[in-house]
Amino acid sequence: MRTALLRITARLAATALLGGAAVFSLGVLPASAATGTVVTDSGLGVTIRSGNAVSFGAVGTQPNGSVEIDCQLYGEPVTGKFGRSLIWDHVPGKGYISDAYVNTGSSGLVAPLCTSNPRADKAIAWYAARNGSTAYQEYCEKAAENSFGKDLIWGSAKIDWNDAVARGVAHRGDLNPPKGALVFWDLAAPYGHVGVARGDGYFWATSVNGKIGLAKLPYFSSYLGWAWPNF
């Protein structure tokens, strides 16, 4: 009887952990690979890229139909068959495809987070190449956007942060942002301040000792939190 009860308890626990979207809303990450279905209006499939943004080179095409996903990550937002999504799916041995063209049964993550993030690496390298520069003083949002190959998306860091809050994806007060996340402060009212997390407790931003530099969080006062770039 005890053995049977233990088995039932274990089964119930497993069911709770794999409870779909409700689990993701609690911040629990999926533990294994997943499958999805690629759907495009053209029927020709979706472009596979070498990174999680459309600026990365095409390395092939994933045809319409079932696809294996071994991990997922956040990247450049894409609008596709299933709406607008910041999620990119990694196809084993091939590359990355936008989740906007993949039906996984969820608008959130259904596979583990990828350990690499090519788009974040490029953004961090952009800042590192400009270490010590004063060219972007008072233009922190522009610097953050430029580091990801974008420009003129948001009027200020505070507007950018407010967008994340409005979408329900702002991680308020969290001092452990993942690599490539935007980190925000309520400074220089009403404009705010923003930088890019390195993933190890440090971030790149303007105004670090009066120039682009690397510092440990929170560094500035009035730290707000972090969010993935919505551009």
Protein backbone atom coordinates (compact mmCIF):
# COMPACT_ATOMS: atom_id res chain seq x y z
CA MET A 1 0.00 0.00 0.00
CA ARG A 2 2.81 2.41 0.88
CA THR A 3 4.55 1.72 -2.43
CA ALA A 4 1.32 2.39 -4.32
CA LEU A 5 0.82 5.68 -2.47
CA LEU A 6 4.35 6.76 -3.26
CA ARG A 7 3.81 6.02 -6.94
CA ILE A 8 0.57 8.02 -6.97
CA THR A 9 2.28 10.92 -5.19
CA ALA A 10 5.15 10.89 -7.66
CA ARG A 11 2.71 10.81 -10.58
CA LEU A 12 0.76 13.74 -9.20
CA ALA A 13 3.98 15.72 -8.70
CA ALA A 14 5.06 15.00 -12.25
CA THR A 15 1.67 16.07 -13.54
CA ALA A 16 1.92 19.36 -11.64
CA LEU A 17 5.37 20.04 -13.03
CA LEU A 18 4.25 19.39 -16.60
CA GLY A 19 1.03 21.33 -16.35
CA GLY A 20 1.49 23.41 -19.49
CA ALA A 21 1.02 27.15 -19.55
CA ALA A 22 0.13 27.35 -15.86
CA VAL A 23 3.59 26.08 -15.01
CA PHE A 24 5.28 28.66 -17.23
CA SER A 25 3.38 31.49 -15.57
CA LEU A 26 4.98 30.42 -12.29
CA GLY A 27 8.44 30.72 -13.84
CA VAL A 28 9.21 26.98 -13.96
CA LEU A 29 11.26 26.13 -17.05
CA PRO A 30 10.51 23.04 -19.14
CA ALA A 31 13.03 20.26 -18.54
CA SER A 32 13.18 18.45 -21.88
CA ALA A 33 13.12 18.91 -25.63
CA ALA A 34 9.83 19.47 -27.44
CA THR A 35 8.22 19.23 -30.84
CA GLY A 36 6.20 21.74 -32.82
CA THR A 37 4.64 22.17 -36.22
CA VAL A 38 6.03 24.66 -38.73
CA VAL A 39 3.23 26.45 -40.60
CA THR A 40 3.74 29.14 -43.26
CA ASP A 41 1.26 30.68 -45.68
CA SER A 42 3.58 29.97 -48.60
CA GLY A 43 3.92 26.32 -47.66
CA LEU A 44 7.66 26.58 -48.32
CA GLY A 45 8.77 26.43 -44.70
CA VAL A 46 10.67 28.87 -42.50
CA THR A 47 14.24 30.12 -42.84
CA ILE A 48 16.79 28.58 -40.50
CA ARG A 49 19.34 31.15 -39.32
CA SER A 50 22.69 30.99 -37.58
CA GLY A 51 21.39 33.16 -34.73
CA ASN A 52 18.25 34.44 -33.05
CA ALA A 53 17.60 37.45 -35.30
CA VAL A 54 16.79 37.99 -38.96
CA SER A 55 20.15 39.73 -39.39
CA PHE A 56 21.92 36.39 -39.00
CA GLY A 57 22.64 34.49 -42.18
CA ALA A 58 20.30 31.86 -43.58
CA VAL A 59 21.67 28.32 -43.24
CA GLY A 60 18.72 26.40 -44.62
CA THR A 61 14.96 25.99 -44.60
CA GLN A 62 12.81 24.05 -42.17
CA PRO A 63 9.87 22.67 -44.17
CA ASN A 64 6.28 22.85 -43.01
CA GLY A 65 5.39 20.02 -40.66
CA SER A 66 6.77 18.51 -37.48
CA VAL A 67 10.03 19.89 -36.08
CA GLU A 68 12.15 18.93 -33.07
CA ILE A 69 13.14 21.75 -30.69
CA ASP A 70 15.97 21.02 -28.28
CA CYS A 71 16.08 24.50 -26.68
CA GLN A 72 14.62 27.99 -26.99
CA LEU A 73 15.75 31.54 -26.33
CA TYR A 74 14.59 35.13 -26.69
CA GLY A 75 15.68 37.20 -29.65
CA GLU A 76 14.47 39.65 -32.26
CA PRO A 77 10.66 39.85 -32.34
CA VAL A 78 9.11 38.41 -35.50
CA THR A 79 5.49 38.55 -36.67
CA GLY A 80 4.42 35.35 -38.37
CA LYS A 81 1.66 32.79 -38.72
CA PHE A 82 1.10 32.64 -34.95
CA GLY A 83 1.40 36.34 -34.17
CA ARG A 84 4.34 38.29 -32.82
CA SER A 85 6.94 36.41 -30.82
CA LEU A 86 10.34 37.12 -29.25
CA ILE A 87 11.02 33.39 -28.92
CA TRP A 88 13.36 31.50 -31.24
CA ASP A 89 13.53 27.71 -31.46
CA HIS A 90 16.79 25.82 -31.95
CA VAL A 91 16.54 22.91 -34.36
CA PRO A 92 19.21 20.32 -33.44
CA GLY A 93 22.16 20.32 -35.82
CA LYS A 94 20.66 23.09 -37.98
CA GLY A 95 20.12 26.49 -36.37
CA TYR A 96 17.37 28.85 -35.21
CA ILE A 97 13.85 29.46 -36.47
CA SER A 98 11.33 32.04 -35.27
CA ASP A 99 8.66 30.60 -32.99
CA ALA A 100 6.19 32.91 -34.74
CA TYR A 101 5.94 30.20 -37.42
CA VAL A 102 5.85 27.20 -35.08
CA ASN A 103 2.77 25.81 -33.38
CA THR A 104 3.97 24.46 -30.03
CA GLY A 105 0.63 24.73 -28.26
CA SER A 106 1.95 27.58 -26.12
CA SER A 107 2.98 31.21 -26.49
CA GLY A 108 5.72 30.62 -23.91
CA LEU A 109 8.72 28.33 -23.62
CA VAL A 110 8.16 24.62 -24.17
CA ALA A 111 11.83 23.56 -24.16
CA PRO A 112 14.85 24.44 -21.99
CA LEU A 113 16.59 27.78 -22.44
CA CYS A 114 19.52 27.55 -24.84
CA THR A 115 22.92 27.92 -23.22
CA SER A 116 24.10 30.22 -26.02
CA ASN A 117 22.59 33.48 -27.25
CA PRO A 118 24.22 34.75 -30.47
CA ARG A 119 22.26 38.00 -30.57
CA ALA A 120 23.21 38.85 -26.99
CA ASP A 121 26.86 38.08 -27.75
CA LYS A 122 26.81 40.61 -30.60
CA ALA A 123 25.23 43.30 -28.42
CA ILE A 124 27.79 42.79 -25.66
CA ALA A 125 30.62 42.85 -28.21
CA TRP A 126 29.23 46.15 -29.54
CA TYR A 127 29.56 47.77 -26.12
CA ALA A 128 32.97 46.22 -25.46
CA ALA A 129 34.27 47.66 -28.74
CA ARG A 130 33.21 51.14 -27.54
CA ASN A 131 34.48 50.84 -23.98
CA GLY A 132 35.45 54.32 -22.75
CA SER A 133 33.55 56.17 -25.48
CA THR A 134 31.55 59.29 -24.60
CA ALA A 135 29.75 59.40 -27.96
CA TYR A 136 26.49 58.08 -26.50
CA GLN A 137 26.30 60.17 -23.33
CA GLU A 138 22.64 61.09 -22.65
CA TYR A 139 21.61 58.59 -25.34
CA CYS A 140 21.48 55.35 -23.35
CA GLU A 141 18.39 53.98 -25.15
CA LYS A 142 19.97 54.67 -28.52
CA ALA A 143 23.10 52.83 -27.43
CA ALA A 144 21.10 49.82 -26.24
CA GLU A 145 19.11 49.68 -29.47
CA ASN A 146 22.20 50.20 -31.65
CA SER A 147 23.95 47.34 -29.86
CA PHE A 148 21.20 45.05 -31.19
CA GLY A 149 21.32 46.60 -34.66
CA LYS A 150 18.20 48.73 -34.11
CA ASP A 151 17.49 52.46 -33.83
CA LEU A 152 14.66 54.87 -32.99
CA ILE A 153 12.36 52.24 -31.49
CA TRP A 154 11.62 53.86 -28.13
CA GLY A 155 11.83 57.53 -27.20
CA SER A 156 13.58 56.84 -23.90
CA ALA A 157 14.65 54.08 -21.54
CA LYS A 158 11.63 54.79 -19.32
CA ILE A 159 9.23 54.35 -22.23
CA ASP A 160 10.99 51.09 -23.08
CA TRP A 161 10.62 49.89 -19.47
CA ASN A 162 6.98 50.95 -19.33
CA ASP A 163 6.32 48.85 -22.42
CA ALA A 164 7.73 45.78 -20.63
CA VAL A 165 5.58 46.56 -17.59
CA ALA A 166 2.47 46.94 -19.74
CA ARG A 167 3.13 43.58 -21.43
CA GLY A 168 3.62 41.88 -18.06
CA VAL A 169 7.20 40.80 -18.80
CA ALA A 170 9.16 43.18 -16.56
CA HIS A 171 11.26 41.44 -13.88
CA ARG A 172 11.04 44.09 -11.19
CA GLY A 173 14.04 44.40 -8.86
CA ASP A 174 15.69 41.18 -10.08
CA LEU A 175 19.48 41.60 -9.86
CA ASN A 176 20.21 38.41 -11.82
CA PRO A 177 19.29 39.26 -15.41
CA PRO A 178 20.30 36.76 -18.09
CA LYS A 179 22.82 37.62 -20.78
CA GLY A 180 21.35 40.02 -23.34
CA ALA A 181 18.52 41.29 -21.15
CA LEU A 182 17.99 45.04 -20.84
CA VAL A 183 18.49 46.45 -17.34
CA PHE A 184 16.69 49.63 -16.30
CA TRP A 185 16.95 52.43 -13.72
CA ASP A 186 14.59 55.26 -12.83
CA LEU A 187 17.18 58.00 -13.36
CA ALA A 188 17.37 61.34 -15.18
CA ALA A 189 13.61 61.87 -14.92
CA PRO A 190 11.64 61.45 -17.03
CA TYR A 191 14.00 59.55 -19.33
CA GLY A 192 15.33 56.68 -17.22
CA HIS A 193 18.49 54.71 -17.94
CA VAL A 194 19.17 51.39 -19.65
CA GLY A 195 22.04 48.99 -20.27
CA VAL A 196 22.62 45.41 -21.42
CA ALA A 197 23.29 42.56 -18.98
CA ARG A 198 26.34 40.37 -19.44
CA GLY A 199 24.72 37.48 -17.59
CA ASP A 200 27.15 37.32 -14.69
CA GLY A 201 25.92 40.18 -12.52
CA TYR A 202 27.62 42.82 -14.66
CA PHE A 203 26.19 45.11 -17.34
CA TRP A 204 27.31 47.43 -20.11
CA ALA A 205 25.87 50.93 -20.36
CA THR A 206 26.60 54.57 -20.95
CA SER A 207 27.33 56.91 -18.01
CA VAL A 208 29.56 54.42 -16.18
CA ASN A 209 32.02 56.98 -14.82
CA GLY A 210 30.83 59.30 -17.59
CA LYS A 211 31.35 56.92 -20.50
CA ILE A 212 30.44 53.51 -21.91
CA GLY A 213 31.67 50.98 -19.42
CA LEU A 214 31.17 47.73 -17.55
CA ALA A 215 29.84 47.73 -13.98
CA LYS A 216 28.35 45.40 -11.41
CA LEU A 217 24.62 45.61 -10.71
CA PRO A 218 22.94 47.64 -9.41
CA TYR A 219 25.66 50.38 -9.61
CA PHE A 220 23.19 53.27 -10.09
CA SER A 221 20.41 54.07 -7.62
CA SER A 222 16.71 53.41 -8.33
CA TYR A 223 17.20 50.08 -10.10
CA LEU A 224 13.94 48.97 -11.74
CA GLY A 225 14.67 45.50 -13.07
CA TRP A 226 15.15 43.78 -16.42
CA ALA A 227 13.27 42.70 -19.53
CA TRP A 228 14.11 41.11 -22.87
CA PRO A 229 14.51 43.65 -25.70
CA ASN A 230 11.25 44.27 -27.52
CA PHE A 231 13.05 45.25 -30.74
